[in-house]
Amino acid sequence: MDLQARIPAALAAIHNFICVHDPDELASFTESADLERGFVSGELAAGQTRAAEKRRATMRQDEIAAAMWVQYQAELQRRGTI
């Protein structure tokens, strides 16, 4: 468990290293064409992430961020800090 807890930080460090020292490396990955429509829950992905999956993930991330911002603004108003 101790080793597993270190994996996300190590992956983030590797990602940041690549971004700093070879930013074109991340841009060189090609988009895969969607072979299937929809999302199959409970299965591990095989191969690269498909474009539609990336769009769904980005949309979901934006929805979460917007909801968090609304909650944050409401909390600031509740506290009377804005």
C-alpha atoms as a PDB file:
ATOM      1  CA  MET A   1       0.000   0.000   0.000  1.00  0.00           C
ATOM      2  CA  ASP A   2       2.874   2.368   0.766  1.00  0.00           C
ATOM      3  CA  LEU A   3       4.269   1.900  -2.751  1.00  0.00           C
ATOM      4  CA  GLN A   4       0.849   2.220  -4.402  1.00  0.00           C
ATOM      5  CA  ALA A   5       0.260   5.524  -2.636  1.00  0.00           C
ATOM      6  CA  ARG A   6       3.381   6.957  -4.304  1.00  0.00           C
ATOM      7  CA  ILE A   7       2.377   6.059  -7.876  1.00  0.00           C
ATOM      8  CA  PRO A   8       0.114   9.091  -8.638  1.00  0.00           C
ATOM      9  CA  ALA A   9       2.770  11.561  -7.499  1.00  0.00           C
ATOM     10  CA  ALA A  10       5.435   9.736  -9.510  1.00  0.00           C
ATOM     11  CA  LEU A  11       3.270   9.781 -12.637  1.00  0.00           C
ATOM     12  CA  ALA A  12       2.569  13.486 -12.173  1.00  0.00           C
ATOM     13  CA  ALA A  13       6.297  14.133 -11.815  1.00  0.00           C
ATOM     14  CA  ILE A  14       7.027  12.208 -15.016  1.00  0.00           C
ATOM     15  CA  HIS A  15       4.291  14.118 -16.857  1.00  0.00           C
ATOM     16  CA  ASN A  16       5.670  17.450 -15.636  1.00  0.00           C
ATOM     17  CA  PHE A  17       9.211  16.431 -16.606  1.00  0.00           C
ATOM     18  CA  ILE A  18       8.058  15.618 -20.138  1.00  0.00           C
ATOM     19  CA  CYS A  19       6.142  18.907 -20.362  1.00  0.00           C
ATOM     20  CA  VAL A  20       9.238  20.881 -19.365  1.00  0.00           C
ATOM     21  CA  HIS A  21      11.927  18.997 -21.282  1.00  0.00           C
ATOM     22  CA  ASP A  22      10.070  17.767 -24.381  1.00  0.00           C
ATOM     23  CA  PRO A  23       6.640  19.402 -24.712  1.00  0.00           C
ATOM     24  CA  ASP A  24       6.276  18.154 -28.289  1.00  0.00           C
ATOM     25  CA  GLU A  25       6.340  14.551 -27.035  1.00  0.00           C
ATOM     26  CA  LEU A  26       2.836  14.797 -25.598  1.00  0.00           C
ATOM     27  CA  ALA A  27       1.503  16.568 -28.687  1.00  0.00           C
ATOM     28  CA  SER A  28       2.788  13.838 -31.004  1.00  0.00           C
ATOM     29  CA  PHE A  29       0.247  11.216 -29.906  1.00  0.00           C
ATOM     30  CA  THR A  30      -2.362  10.611 -32.558  1.00  0.00           C
ATOM     31  CA  GLU A  31      -6.064  10.420 -31.880  1.00  0.00           C
ATOM     32  CA  SER A  32      -7.601   7.007 -32.352  1.00  0.00           C
ATOM     33  CA  ALA A  33     -10.816   6.676 -34.289  1.00  0.00           C
ATOM     34  CA  ASP A  34     -13.857   5.586 -32.309  1.00  0.00           C
ATOM     35  CA  LEU A  35     -14.584   1.976 -33.146  1.00  0.00           C
ATOM     36  CA  GLU A  36     -17.637   1.710 -30.886  1.00  0.00           C
ATOM     37  CA  ARG A  37     -20.352   4.151 -29.986  1.00  0.00           C
ATOM     38  CA  GLY A  38     -21.116   4.761 -26.331  1.00  0.00           C
ATOM     39  CA  PHE A  39     -19.299   3.837 -23.177  1.00  0.00           C
ATOM     40  CA  VAL A  40     -18.997   0.330 -21.822  1.00  0.00           C
ATOM     41  CA  SER A  41     -18.859   0.413 -18.047  1.00  0.00           C
ATOM     42  CA  GLY A  42     -16.720  -2.015 -16.111  1.00  0.00           C
ATOM     43  CA  GLU A  43     -14.186  -2.878 -18.792  1.00  0.00           C
ATOM     44  CA  LEU A  44     -10.590  -1.776 -18.975  1.00  0.00           C
ATOM     45  CA  ALA A  45      -9.602   0.214 -22.034  1.00  0.00           C
ATOM     46  CA  ALA A  46      -7.360  -1.389 -24.607  1.00  0.00           C
ATOM     47  CA  GLY A  47      -5.048   0.902 -26.529  1.00  0.00           C
ATOM     48  CA  GLN A  48      -5.125   4.662 -26.750  1.00  0.00           C
ATOM     49  CA  THR A  49      -7.970   6.801 -25.518  1.00  0.00           C
ATOM     50  CA  ARG A  50     -10.476   7.520 -28.247  1.00  0.00           C
ATOM     51  CA  ALA A  51     -11.469  11.071 -29.200  1.00  0.00           C
ATOM     52  CA  ALA A  52     -15.075  10.721 -28.012  1.00  0.00           C
ATOM     53  CA  GLU A  53     -13.920   9.409 -24.639  1.00  0.00           C
ATOM     54  CA  LYS A  54     -11.581  12.379 -24.267  1.00  0.00           C
ATOM     55  CA  ARG A  55     -14.435  14.762 -25.102  1.00  0.00           C
ATOM     56  CA  ARG A  56     -16.740  13.086 -22.546  1.00  0.00           C
ATOM     57  CA  ALA A  57     -14.031  13.241 -19.882  1.00  0.00           C
ATOM     58  CA  THR A  58     -13.318  16.906 -20.616  1.00  0.00           C
ATOM     59  CA  MET A  59     -17.018  17.765 -20.497  1.00  0.00           C
ATOM     60  CA  ARG A  60     -17.427  15.922 -17.188  1.00  0.00           C
ATOM     61  CA  GLN A  61     -14.363  17.662 -15.762  1.00  0.00           C
ATOM     62  CA  ASP A  62     -15.790  21.043 -16.794  1.00  0.00           C
ATOM     63  CA  GLU A  63     -19.152  20.181 -15.207  1.00  0.00           C
ATOM     64  CA  ILE A  64     -17.461  19.233 -11.933  1.00  0.00           C
ATOM     65  CA  ALA A  65     -15.332  22.389 -11.944  1.00  0.00           C
ATOM     66  CA  ALA A  66     -18.401  24.582 -12.602  1.00  0.00           C
ATOM     67  CA  ALA A  67     -20.336  22.911  -9.778  1.00  0.00           C
ATOM     68  CA  MET A  68     -17.393  23.350  -7.412  1.00  0.00           C
ATOM     69  CA  TRP A  69     -17.161  27.056  -8.352  1.00  0.00           C
ATOM     70  CA  VAL A  70     -20.862  27.573  -7.641  1.00  0.00           C
ATOM     71  CA  GLN A  71     -20.498  25.849  -4.258  1.00  0.00           C
ATOM     72  CA  TYR A  72     -17.409  27.939  -3.480  1.00  0.00           C
ATOM     73  CA  GLN A  73     -19.195  31.190  -4.327  1.00  0.00           C
ATOM     74  CA  ALA A  74     -22.186  30.145  -2.184  1.00  0.00           C
ATOM     75  CA  GLU A  75     -19.859  29.376   0.730  1.00  0.00           C
ATOM     76  CA  LEU A  76     -18.163  32.763   0.396  1.00  0.00           C
ATOM     77  CA  GLN A  77     -21.574  34.477   0.455  1.00  0.00           C
ATOM     78  CA  ARG A  78     -22.608  32.392   3.473  1.00  0.00           C
ATOM     79  CA  ARG A  79     -19.484  33.532   5.303  1.00  0.00           C
ATOM     80  CA  GLY A  80     -19.997  37.117   4.162  1.00  0.00           C
ATOM     81  CA  THR A  81     -16.563  37.395   2.595  1.00  0.00           C
ATOM     82  CA  ILE A  82     -17.744  38.696  -0.777  1.00  0.00           C
END
